[in-house]
Amino acid sequence: ELRVSYYGMRKESYERVMVGLNFDVTMKNLLGFLELRD
């Protein structure tokens, strides 16, 4: 199991909370993970 802390649905809000991270990169990673698992 993988638990992901994910705290913004817009680039602005995500990067305001998760300082130092990139919204687009994380979204791509998560959707890519689900695709690869399938």
PDB file of all heavy atoms in Angstrom:
ATOM      1  N   GLU A   1       0.831  -1.203   0.000  1.00  0.00           N
ATOM      2  CA  GLU A   1       0.000   0.000   0.000  1.00  0.00           C
ATOM      3  C   GLU A   1       0.863   1.249   0.000  1.00  0.00           C
ATOM      4  O   GLU A   1       1.910   1.302   0.644  1.00  0.00           O
ATOM      5  CB  GLU A   1      -0.925   0.014   1.213  1.00  0.00           C
ATOM      6  CG  GLU A   1      -1.931   1.148   1.183  1.00  0.00           C
ATOM      7  CD  GLU A   1      -3.041   0.987   2.190  1.00  0.00           C
ATOM      8  OE1 GLU A   1      -3.057  -0.043   2.896  1.00  0.00           O
ATOM      9  OE2 GLU A   1      -3.893   1.881   2.286  1.00  0.00           O
ATOM     10  N   LEU A   2       0.388   2.242  -0.724  1.00  0.00           N
ATOM     11  CA  LEU A   2       1.042   3.544  -0.796  1.00  0.00           C
ATOM     12  C   LEU A   2       0.044   4.602  -0.362  1.00  0.00           C
ATOM     13  O   LEU A   2      -1.028   4.736  -0.949  1.00  0.00           O
ATOM     14  CB  LEU A   2       1.507   3.813  -2.234  1.00  0.00           C
ATOM     15  CG  LEU A   2       2.042   5.217  -2.534  1.00  0.00           C
ATOM     16  CD1 LEU A   2       3.270   5.522  -1.693  1.00  0.00           C
ATOM     17  CD2 LEU A   2       2.360   5.347  -4.025  1.00  0.00           C
ATOM     18  N   ARG A   3       0.385   5.320   0.698  1.00  0.00           N
ATOM     19  CA  ARG A   3      -0.444   6.429   1.166  1.00  0.00           C
ATOM     20  C   ARG A   3       0.199   7.732   0.711  1.00  0.00           C
ATOM     21  O   ARG A   3       1.389   7.957   0.968  1.00  0.00           O
ATOM     22  CB  ARG A   3      -0.543   6.432   2.692  1.00  0.00           C
ATOM     23  CG  ARG A   3      -0.959   5.098   3.293  1.00  0.00           C
ATOM     24  CD  ARG A   3      -2.449   4.898   3.218  1.00  0.00           C
ATOM     25  NE  ARG A   3      -2.810   3.577   3.703  1.00  0.00           N
ATOM     26  CZ  ARG A   3      -2.999   3.263   4.978  1.00  0.00           C
ATOM     27  NH1 ARG A   3      -2.845   4.194   5.910  1.00  0.00           N
ATOM     28  NH2 ARG A   3      -3.339   2.048   5.325  1.00  0.00           N
ATOM     29  N   VAL A   4      -0.557   8.575   0.056  1.00  0.00           N
ATOM     30  CA  VAL A   4      -0.008   9.815  -0.478  1.00  0.00           C
ATOM     31  C   VAL A   4      -0.653  11.020   0.198  1.00  0.00           C
ATOM     32  O   VAL A   4      -1.880  11.124   0.266  1.00  0.00           O
ATOM     33  CB  VAL A   4      -0.200   9.894  -2.004  1.00  0.00           C
ATOM     34  CG1 VAL A   4       0.245  11.259  -2.536  1.00  0.00           C
ATOM     35  CG2 VAL A   4       0.589   8.779  -2.695  1.00  0.00           C
ATOM     36  N   SER A   5       0.184  11.909   0.690  1.00  0.00           N
ATOM     37  CA  SER A   5      -0.268  13.192   1.244  1.00  0.00           C
ATOM     38  C   SER A   5      -0.384  14.165   0.073  1.00  0.00           C
ATOM     39  O   SER A   5       0.613  14.482  -0.587  1.00  0.00           O
ATOM     40  CB  SER A   5       0.744  13.708   2.268  1.00  0.00           C
ATOM     41  OG  SER A   5       0.940  12.762   3.295  1.00  0.00           O
ATOM     42  N   TYR A   6      -1.610  14.640  -0.162  1.00  0.00           N
ATOM     43  CA  TYR A   6      -1.875  15.430  -1.371  1.00  0.00           C
ATOM     44  C   TYR A   6      -2.791  16.582  -0.979  1.00  0.00           C
ATOM     45  O   TYR A   6      -3.956  16.375  -0.663  1.00  0.00           O
ATOM     46  CB  TYR A   6      -2.544  14.528  -2.414  1.00  0.00           C
ATOM     47  CG  TYR A   6      -2.644  15.119  -3.792  1.00  0.00           C
ATOM     48  CD1 TYR A   6      -1.606  14.985  -4.699  1.00  0.00           C
ATOM     49  CD2 TYR A   6      -3.787  15.810  -4.188  1.00  0.00           C
ATOM     50  CE1 TYR A   6      -1.697  15.519  -5.977  1.00  0.00           C
ATOM     51  CE2 TYR A   6      -3.896  16.346  -5.453  1.00  0.00           C
ATOM     52  CZ  TYR A   6      -2.842  16.195  -6.347  1.00  0.00           C
ATOM     53  OH  TYR A   6      -2.939  16.723  -7.605  1.00  0.00           O
ATOM     54  N   TYR A   7      -2.268  17.813  -1.007  1.00  0.00           N
ATOM     55  CA  TYR A   7      -2.971  18.909  -0.347  1.00  0.00           C
ATOM     56  C   TYR A   7      -3.229  20.120  -1.237  1.00  0.00           C
ATOM     57  O   TYR A   7      -3.130  21.257  -0.792  1.00  0.00           O
ATOM     58  CB  TYR A   7      -2.191  19.349   0.895  1.00  0.00           C
ATOM     59  CG  TYR A   7      -1.898  18.236   1.867  1.00  0.00           C
ATOM     60  CD1 TYR A   7      -0.668  18.151   2.511  1.00  0.00           C
ATOM     61  CD2 TYR A   7      -2.847  17.252   2.157  1.00  0.00           C
ATOM     62  CE1 TYR A   7      -0.395  17.140   3.414  1.00  0.00           C
ATOM     63  CE2 TYR A   7      -2.585  16.232   3.045  1.00  0.00           C
ATOM     64  CZ  TYR A   7      -1.356  16.179   3.676  1.00  0.00           C
ATOM     65  OH  TYR A   7      -1.082  15.170   4.565  1.00  0.00           O
ATOM     66  N   GLY A   8      -3.602  19.887  -2.491  1.00  0.00           N
ATOM     67  CA  GLY A   8      -3.979  20.996  -3.361  1.00  0.00           C
ATOM     68  C   GLY A   8      -4.447  20.484  -4.709  1.00  0.00           C
ATOM     69  O   GLY A   8      -3.801  19.616  -5.294  1.00  0.00           O
ATOM     70  N   MET A   9      -5.547  21.025  -5.211  1.00  0.00           N
ATOM     71  CA  MET A   9      -6.067  20.601  -6.513  1.00  0.00           C
ATOM     72  C   MET A   9      -5.801  21.618  -7.606  1.00  0.00           C
ATOM     73  O   MET A   9      -6.202  21.420  -8.750  1.00  0.00           O
ATOM     74  CB  MET A   9      -7.568  20.313  -6.408  1.00  0.00           C
ATOM     75  CG  MET A   9      -7.893  19.029  -5.682  1.00  0.00           C
ATOM     76  SD  MET A   9      -7.116  17.556  -6.415  1.00  0.00           S
ATOM     77  CE  MET A   9      -7.916  17.503  -8.014  1.00  0.00           C
ATOM     78  N   ARG A  10      -5.157  22.684  -7.267  1.00  0.00           N
ATOM     79  CA  ARG A  10      -4.705  23.675  -8.242  1.00  0.00           C
ATOM     80  C   ARG A  10      -3.219  23.928  -7.995  1.00  0.00           C
ATOM     81  O   ARG A  10      -2.739  23.782  -6.881  1.00  0.00           O
ATOM     82  CB  ARG A  10      -5.496  24.980  -8.095  1.00  0.00           C
ATOM     83  CG  ARG A  10      -6.968  24.886  -8.447  1.00  0.00           C
ATOM     84  CD  ARG A  10      -7.727  26.140  -8.035  1.00  0.00           C
ATOM     85  NE  ARG A  10      -7.789  26.278  -6.584  1.00  0.00           N
ATOM     86  CZ  ARG A  10      -7.257  27.293  -5.908  1.00  0.00           C
ATOM     87  NH1 ARG A  10      -6.604  28.252  -6.559  1.00  0.00           N
ATOM     88  NH2 ARG A  10      -7.370  27.356  -4.597  1.00  0.00           N
ATOM     89  N   LYS A  11      -2.516  24.294  -9.023  1.00  0.00           N
ATOM     90  CA  LYS A  11      -1.082  24.540  -8.876  1.00  0.00           C
ATOM     91  C   LYS A  11      -0.815  25.563  -7.784  1.00  0.00           C
ATOM     92  O   LYS A  11       0.081  25.385  -6.945  1.00  0.00           O
ATOM     93  CB  LYS A  11      -0.504  25.023 -10.215  1.00  0.00           C
ATOM     94  CG  LYS A  11       1.018  25.185 -10.216  1.00  0.00           C
ATOM     95  CD  LYS A  11       1.522  25.546 -11.592  1.00  0.00           C
ATOM     96  CE  LYS A  11       3.049  25.685 -11.616  1.00  0.00           C
ATOM     97  NZ  LYS A  11       3.734  24.388 -11.374  1.00  0.00           N
ATOM     98  N   GLU A  12      -1.622  26.598  -7.732  1.00  0.00           N
ATOM     99  CA  GLU A  12      -1.426  27.660  -6.757  1.00  0.00           C
ATOM    100  C   GLU A  12      -1.591  27.152  -5.331  1.00  0.00           C
ATOM    101  O   GLU A  12      -0.746  27.386  -4.464  1.00  0.00           O
ATOM    102  CB  GLU A  12      -2.414  28.801  -7.023  1.00  0.00           C
ATOM    103  CG  GLU A  12      -2.302  29.942  -6.025  1.00  0.00           C
ATOM    104  CD  GLU A  12      -3.383  30.985  -6.211  1.00  0.00           C
ATOM    105  OE1 GLU A  12      -4.337  30.749  -6.985  1.00  0.00           O
ATOM    106  OE2 GLU A  12      -3.292  32.040  -5.555  1.00  0.00           O
ATOM    107  N   SER A  13      -2.694  26.460  -5.073  1.00  0.00           N
ATOM    108  CA  SER A  13      -2.956  26.001  -3.707  1.00  0.00           C
ATOM    109  C   SER A  13      -2.005  24.877  -3.300  1.00  0.00           C
ATOM    110  O   SER A  13      -1.518  24.842  -2.170  1.00  0.00           O
ATOM    111  CB  SER A  13      -4.411  25.550  -3.563  1.00  0.00           C
ATOM    112  OG  SER A  13      -4.714  24.527  -4.495  1.00  0.00           O
ATOM    113  N   TYR A  14      -1.742  23.946  -4.221  1.00  0.00           N
ATOM    114  CA  TYR A  14      -0.846  22.829  -3.921  1.00  0.00           C
ATOM    115  C   TYR A  14       0.543  23.332  -3.525  1.00  0.00           C
ATOM    116  O   TYR A  14       1.108  22.925  -2.501  1.00  0.00           O
ATOM    117  CB  TYR A  14      -0.739  21.912  -5.137  1.00  0.00           C
ATOM    118  CG  TYR A  14       0.204  20.743  -4.972  1.00  0.00           C
ATOM    119  CD1 TYR A  14      -0.238  19.530  -4.469  1.00  0.00           C
ATOM    120  CD2 TYR A  14       1.553  20.849  -5.332  1.00  0.00           C
ATOM    121  CE1 TYR A  14       0.636  18.446  -4.321  1.00  0.00           C
ATOM    122  CE2 TYR A  14       2.423  19.795  -5.183  1.00  0.00           C
ATOM    123  CZ  TYR A  14       1.961  18.593  -4.683  1.00  0.00           C
ATOM    124  OH  TYR A  14       2.829  17.534  -4.532  1.00  0.00           O
ATOM    125  N   GLU A  15       1.077  24.228  -4.313  1.00  0.00           N
ATOM    126  CA  GLU A  15       2.436  24.696  -4.067  1.00  0.00           C
ATOM    127  C   GLU A  15       2.511  25.700  -2.922  1.00  0.00           C
ATOM    128  O   GLU A  15       3.585  25.937  -2.367  1.00  0.00           O
ATOM    129  CB  GLU A  15       3.028  25.254  -5.358  1.00  0.00           C
ATOM    130  CG  GLU A  15       3.192  24.152  -6.413  1.00  0.00           C
ATOM    131  CD  GLU A  15       3.722  24.635  -7.753  1.00  0.00           C
ATOM    132  OE1 GLU A  15       4.132  25.819  -7.844  1.00  0.00           O
ATOM    133  OE2 GLU A  15       3.731  23.832  -8.710  1.00  0.00           O
ATOM    134  N   ARG A  16       1.372  26.255  -2.520  1.00  0.00           N
ATOM    135  CA  ARG A  16       1.329  27.113  -1.342  1.00  0.00           C
ATOM    136  C   ARG A  16       1.408  26.273  -0.075  1.00  0.00           C
ATOM    137  O   ARG A  16       1.991  26.685   0.928  1.00  0.00           O
ATOM    138  CB  ARG A  16       0.035  27.927  -1.334  1.00  0.00           C
ATOM    139  CG  ARG A  16       0.012  29.021  -0.254  1.00  0.00           C
ATOM    140  CD  ARG A  16      -1.349  29.692  -0.174  1.00  0.00           C
ATOM    141  NE  ARG A  16      -1.768  30.194  -1.464  1.00  0.00           N
ATOM    142  CZ  ARG A  16      -3.001  30.065  -1.965  1.00  0.00           C
ATOM    143  NH1 ARG A  16      -3.942  29.450  -1.262  1.00  0.00           N
ATOM    144  NH2 ARG A  16      -3.294  30.559  -3.140  1.00  0.00           N
ATOM    145  N   VAL A  17       0.808  25.072  -0.123  1.00  0.00           N
ATOM    146  CA  VAL A  17       0.845  24.170   1.039  1.00  0.00           C
ATOM    147  C   VAL A  17       2.110  23.314   1.015  1.00  0.00           C
ATOM    148  O   VAL A  17       2.841  23.243   2.000  1.00  0.00           O
ATOM    149  CB  VAL A  17      -0.403  23.264   1.070  1.00  0.00           C
ATOM    150  CG1 VAL A  17      -0.286  22.250   2.205  1.00  0.00           C
ATOM    151  CG2 VAL A  17      -1.663  24.083   1.223  1.00  0.00           C
ATOM    152  N   MET A  18       2.365  22.659  -0.104  1.00  0.00           N
ATOM    153  CA  MET A  18       3.468  21.702  -0.225  1.00  0.00           C
ATOM    154  C   MET A  18       4.673  22.416  -0.831  1.00  0.00           C
ATOM    155  O   MET A  18       5.087  22.159  -1.969  1.00  0.00           O
ATOM    156  CB  MET A  18       3.016  20.492  -1.022  1.00  0.00           C
ATOM    157  CG  MET A  18       1.722  19.907  -0.463  1.00  0.00           C
ATOM    158  SD  MET A  18       1.271  18.286  -1.074  1.00  0.00           S
ATOM    159  CE  MET A  18       2.378  17.222  -0.147  1.00  0.00           C
ATOM    160  N   VAL A  19       5.219  23.301  -0.040  1.00  0.00           N
ATOM    161  CA  VAL A  19       6.277  24.202  -0.500  1.00  0.00           C
ATOM    162  C   VAL A  19       7.495  23.402  -0.970  1.00  0.00           C
ATOM    163  O   VAL A  19       7.988  22.513  -0.268  1.00  0.00           O
ATOM    164  CB  VAL A  19       6.676  25.177   0.626  1.00  0.00           C
ATOM    165  CG1 VAL A  19       7.805  26.095   0.169  1.00  0.00           C
ATOM    166  CG2 VAL A  19       5.459  25.982   1.082  1.00  0.00           C
ATOM    167  N   GLY A  20       7.959  23.726  -2.174  1.00  0.00           N
ATOM    168  CA  GLY A  20       9.119  23.050  -2.732  1.00  0.00           C
ATOM    169  C   GLY A  20       8.779  21.989  -3.754  1.00  0.00           C
ATOM    170  O   GLY A  20       9.657  21.497  -4.471  1.00  0.00           O
ATOM    171  N   LEU A  21       7.492  21.601  -3.833  1.00  0.00           N
ATOM    172  CA  LEU A  21       7.064  20.581  -4.780  1.00  0.00           C
ATOM    173  C   LEU A  21       6.370  21.220  -5.978  1.00  0.00           C
ATOM    174  O   LEU A  21       6.001  22.388  -5.957  1.00  0.00           O
ATOM    175  CB  LEU A  21       6.135  19.571  -4.106  1.00  0.00           C
ATOM    176  CG  LEU A  21       6.685  18.869  -2.862  1.00  0.00           C
ATOM    177  CD1 LEU A  21       5.717  17.795  -2.389  1.00  0.00           C
ATOM    178  CD2 LEU A  21       8.068  18.269  -3.123  1.00  0.00           C
ATOM    179  N   ASN A  22       6.205  20.420  -7.036  1.00  0.00           N
ATOM    180  CA  ASN A  22       5.600  20.882  -8.278  1.00  0.00           C
ATOM    181  C   ASN A  22       4.302  20.120  -8.520  1.00  0.00           C
ATOM    182  O   ASN A  22       4.310  18.891  -8.628  1.00  0.00           O
ATOM    183  CB  ASN A  22       6.576  20.669  -9.441  1.00  0.00           C
ATOM    184  CG  ASN A  22       6.066  21.212 -10.761  1.00  0.00           C
ATOM    185  OD1 ASN A  22       5.083  20.725 -11.300  1.00  0.00           O
ATOM    186  ND2 ASN A  22       6.745  22.227 -11.282  1.00  0.00           N
ATOM    187  N   PHE A  23       3.210  20.852  -8.593  1.00  0.00           N
ATOM    188  CA  PHE A  23       1.893  20.241  -8.759  1.00  0.00           C
ATOM    189  C   PHE A  23       1.827  19.344  -9.985  1.00  0.00           C
ATOM    190  O   PHE A  23       1.329  18.207  -9.929  1.00  0.00           O
ATOM    191  CB  PHE A  23       0.835  21.340  -8.866  1.00  0.00           C
ATOM    192  CG  PHE A  23      -0.543  20.852  -9.229  1.00  0.00           C
ATOM    193  CD1 PHE A  23      -1.363  20.280  -8.267  1.00  0.00           C
ATOM    194  CD2 PHE A  23      -1.015  20.955 -10.531  1.00  0.00           C
ATOM    195  CE1 PHE A  23      -2.633  19.822  -8.599  1.00  0.00           C
ATOM    196  CE2 PHE A  23      -2.279  20.505 -10.870  1.00  0.00           C
ATOM    197  CZ  PHE A  23      -3.093  19.936  -9.902  1.00  0.00           C
ATOM    198  N   ASP A  24       2.325  19.822 -11.107  1.00  0.00           N
ATOM    199  CA  ASP A  24       2.223  19.067 -12.354  1.00  0.00           C
ATOM    200  C   ASP A  24       3.020  17.769 -12.296  1.00  0.00           C
ATOM    201  O   ASP A  24       2.583  16.734 -12.809  1.00  0.00           O
ATOM    202  CB  ASP A  24       2.701  19.923 -13.531  1.00  0.00           C
ATOM    203  CG  ASP A  24       1.860  21.171 -13.711  1.00  0.00           C
ATOM    204  OD1 ASP A  24       0.618  21.054 -13.668  1.00  0.00           O
ATOM    205  OD2 ASP A  24       2.428  22.268 -13.875  1.00  0.00           O
ATOM    206  N   VAL A  25       4.186  17.806 -11.666  1.00  0.00           N
ATOM    207  CA  VAL A  25       5.017  16.605 -11.549  1.00  0.00           C
ATOM    208  C   VAL A  25       4.316  15.550 -10.699  1.00  0.00           C
ATOM    209  O   VAL A  25       4.251  14.364 -11.061  1.00  0.00           O
ATOM    210  CB  VAL A  25       6.394  16.955 -10.952  1.00  0.00           C
ATOM    211  CG1 VAL A  25       7.159  15.683 -10.568  1.00  0.00           C
ATOM    212  CG2 VAL A  25       7.209  17.782 -11.932  1.00  0.00           C
ATOM    213  N   THR A  26       3.767  15.962  -9.559  1.00  0.00           N
ATOM    214  CA  THR A  26       3.109  15.005  -8.670  1.00  0.00           C
ATOM    215  C   THR A  26       1.869  14.409  -9.323  1.00  0.00           C
ATOM    216  O   THR A  26       1.631  13.189  -9.241  1.00  0.00           O
ATOM    217  CB  THR A  26       2.741  15.670  -7.337  1.00  0.00           C
ATOM    218  OG1 THR A  26       3.911  16.228  -6.739  1.00  0.00           O
ATOM    219  CG2 THR A  26       2.134  14.655  -6.372  1.00  0.00           C
ATOM    220  N   MET A  27       1.065  15.234  -9.977  1.00  0.00           N
ATOM    221  CA  MET A  27      -0.119  14.721 -10.663  1.00  0.00           C
ATOM    222  C   MET A  27       0.275  13.712 -11.743  1.00  0.00           C
ATOM    223  O   MET A  27      -0.330  12.635 -11.863  1.00  0.00           O
ATOM    224  CB  MET A  27      -0.907  15.876 -11.275  1.00  0.00           C
ATOM    225  CG  MET A  27      -2.136  15.450 -12.062  1.00  0.00           C
ATOM    226  SD  MET A  27      -3.440  14.718 -11.036  1.00  0.00           S
ATOM    227  CE  MET A  27      -4.233  16.213 -10.400  1.00  0.00           C
ATOM    228  N   LYS A  28       1.298  14.031 -12.510  1.00  0.00           N
ATOM    229  CA  LYS A  28       1.780  13.104 -13.543  1.00  0.00           C
ATOM    230  C   LYS A  28       2.244  11.790 -12.924  1.00  0.00           C
ATOM    231  O   LYS A  28       1.955  10.707 -13.446  1.00  0.00           O
ATOM    232  CB  LYS A  28       2.924  13.754 -14.319  1.00  0.00           C
ATOM    233  CG  LYS A  28       3.519  12.863 -15.409  1.00  0.00           C
ATOM    234  CD  LYS A  28       4.685  13.566 -16.108  1.00  0.00           C
ATOM    235  CE  LYS A  28       5.319  12.637 -17.145  1.00  0.00           C
ATOM    236  NZ  LYS A  28       6.478  13.292 -17.813  1.00  0.00           N
ATOM    237  N   ASN A  29       2.959  11.872 -11.809  1.00  0.00           N
ATOM    238  CA  ASN A  29       3.451  10.665 -11.142  1.00  0.00           C
ATOM    239  C   ASN A  29       2.310   9.771 -10.682  1.00  0.00           C
ATOM    240  O   ASN A  29       2.351   8.542 -10.846  1.00  0.00           O
ATOM    241  CB  ASN A  29       4.313  11.044  -9.940  1.00  0.00           C
ATOM    242  CG  ASN A  29       5.670  11.598 -10.330  1.00  0.00           C
ATOM    243  OD1 ASN A  29       6.082  11.511 -11.482  1.00  0.00           O
ATOM    244  ND2 ASN A  29       6.365  12.177  -9.367  1.00  0.00           N
ATOM    245  N   LEU A  30       1.288  10.363 -10.073  1.00  0.00           N
ATOM    246  CA  LEU A  30       0.184   9.568  -9.536  1.00  0.00           C
ATOM    247  C   LEU A  30      -0.633   8.910 -10.647  1.00  0.00           C
ATOM    248  O   LEU A  30      -0.969   7.721 -10.565  1.00  0.00           O
ATOM    249  CB  LEU A  30      -0.702  10.440  -8.658  1.00  0.00           C
ATOM    250  CG  LEU A  30      -0.084  10.852  -7.323  1.00  0.00           C
ATOM    251  CD1 LEU A  30      -0.957  11.882  -6.624  1.00  0.00           C
ATOM    252  CD2 LEU A  30       0.122   9.642  -6.426  1.00  0.00           C
ATOM    253  N   LEU A  31      -0.953   9.666 -11.667  1.00  0.00           N
ATOM    254  CA  LEU A  31      -1.714   9.081 -12.776  1.00  0.00           C
ATOM    255  C   LEU A  31      -0.869   8.045 -13.515  1.00  0.00           C
ATOM    256  O   LEU A  31      -1.383   7.005 -13.952  1.00  0.00           O
ATOM    257  CB  LEU A  31      -2.179  10.184 -13.725  1.00  0.00           C
ATOM    258  CG  LEU A  31      -3.180  11.186 -13.117  1.00  0.00           C
ATOM    259  CD1 LEU A  31      -3.522  12.274 -14.128  1.00  0.00           C
ATOM    260  CD2 LEU A  31      -4.446  10.478 -12.637  1.00  0.00           C
ATOM    261  N   GLY A  32       0.430   8.304 -13.616  1.00  0.00           N
ATOM    262  CA  GLY A  32       1.328   7.339 -14.242  1.00  0.00           C
ATOM    263  C   GLY A  32       1.451   6.061 -13.430  1.00  0.00           C
ATOM    264  O   GLY A  32       1.538   4.958 -13.996  1.00  0.00           O
ATOM    265  N   PHE A  33       1.448   6.193 -12.109  1.00  0.00           N
ATOM    266  CA  PHE A  33       1.492   5.018 -11.240  1.00  0.00           C
ATOM    267  C   PHE A  33       0.268   4.133 -11.460  1.00  0.00           C
ATOM    268  O   PHE A  33       0.379   2.910 -11.603  1.00  0.00           O
ATOM    269  CB  PHE A  33       1.573   5.454  -9.779  1.00  0.00           C
ATOM    270  CG  PHE A  33       1.262   4.361  -8.799  1.00  0.00           C
ATOM    271  CD1 PHE A  33       2.209   3.423  -8.453  1.00  0.00           C
ATOM    272  CD2 PHE A  33      -0.012   4.255  -8.237  1.00  0.00           C
ATOM    273  CE1 PHE A  33       1.913   2.401  -7.562  1.00  0.00           C
ATOM    274  CE2 PHE A  33      -0.319   3.241  -7.348  1.00  0.00           C
ATOM    275  CZ  PHE A  33       0.651   2.316  -7.010  1.00  0.00           C
ATOM    276  N   LEU A  34      -0.918   4.742 -11.492  1.00  0.00           N
ATOM    277  CA  LEU A  34      -2.146   3.969 -11.702  1.00  0.00           C
ATOM    278  C   LEU A  34      -2.144   3.295 -13.072  1.00  0.00           C
ATOM    279  O   LEU A  34      -2.571   2.140 -13.221  1.00  0.00           O
ATOM    280  CB  LEU A  34      -3.368   4.877 -11.555  1.00  0.00           C
ATOM    281  CG  LEU A  34      -3.646   5.375 -10.127  1.00  0.00           C
ATOM    282  CD1 LEU A  34      -4.738   6.438 -10.131  1.00  0.00           C
ATOM    283  CD2 LEU A  34      -4.037   4.214  -9.217  1.00  0.00           C
ATOM    284  N   GLU A  35      -1.658   4.000 -14.062  1.00  0.00           N
ATOM    285  CA  GLU A  35      -1.577   3.443 -15.419  1.00  0.00           C
ATOM    286  C   GLU A  35      -0.615   2.258 -15.465  1.00  0.00           C
ATOM    287  O   GLU A  35      -0.918   1.210 -16.055  1.00  0.00           O
ATOM    288  CB  GLU A  35      -1.118   4.543 -16.375  1.00  0.00           C
ATOM    289  CG  GLU A  35      -1.003   4.112 -17.824  1.00  0.00           C
ATOM    290  CD  GLU A  35      -0.518   5.256 -18.700  1.00  0.00           C
ATOM    291  OE1 GLU A  35      -1.311   6.182 -18.960  1.00  0.00           O
ATOM    292  OE2 GLU A  35       0.665   5.235 -19.101  1.00  0.00           O
ATOM    293  N   LEU A  36       0.554   2.401 -14.833  1.00  0.00           N
ATOM    294  CA  LEU A  36       1.552   1.323 -14.818  1.00  0.00           C
ATOM    295  C   LEU A  36       1.034   0.117 -14.059  1.00  0.00           C
ATOM    296  O   LEU A  36       1.229  -1.033 -14.490  1.00  0.00           O
ATOM    297  CB  LEU A  36       2.846   1.829 -14.193  1.00  0.00           C
ATOM    298  CG  LEU A  36       3.976   0.802 -14.059  1.00  0.00           C
ATOM    299  CD1 LEU A  36       4.404   0.292 -15.430  1.00  0.00           C
ATOM    300  CD2 LEU A  36       5.170   1.410 -13.321  1.00  0.00           C
ATOM    301  N   ARG A  37       0.377   0.342 -12.941  1.00  0.00           N
ATOM    302  CA  ARG A  37      -0.168  -0.771 -12.164  1.00  0.00           C
ATOM    303  C   ARG A  37      -1.160  -1.568 -13.006  1.00  0.00           C
ATOM    304  O   ARG A  37      -1.165  -2.808 -12.976  1.00  0.00           O
ATOM    305  CB  ARG A  37      -0.833  -0.245 -10.891  1.00  0.00           C
ATOM    306  CG  ARG A  37      -1.196  -1.314  -9.878  1.00  0.00           C
ATOM    307  CD  ARG A  37      -1.858  -0.729  -8.652  1.00  0.00           C
ATOM    308  NE  ARG A  37      -3.184  -0.171  -8.954  1.00  0.00           N
ATOM    309  CZ  ARG A  37      -4.018   0.306  -8.041  1.00  0.00           C
ATOM    310  NH1 ARG A  37      -3.667   0.328  -6.760  1.00  0.00           N
ATOM    311  NH2 ARG A  37      -5.200   0.793  -8.382  1.00  0.00           N
ATOM    312  N   ASP A  38      -1.984  -0.873 -13.777  1.00  0.00           N
ATOM    313  CA  ASP A  38      -2.928  -1.551 -14.669  1.00  0.00           C
ATOM    314  C   ASP A  38      -2.193  -2.321 -15.757  1.00  0.00           C
ATOM    315  O   ASP A  38      -2.554  -3.462 -16.083  1.00  0.00           O
ATOM    316  CB  ASP A  38      -3.884  -0.539 -15.293  1.00  0.00           C
ATOM    317  CG  ASP A  38      -4.908   0.002 -14.303  1.00  0.00           C
ATOM    318  OD1 ASP A  38      -5.074  -0.617 -13.233  1.00  0.00           O
ATOM    319  OD2 ASP A  38      -5.533   1.034 -14.596  1.00  0.00           O
TER     320      ASP A  38
END
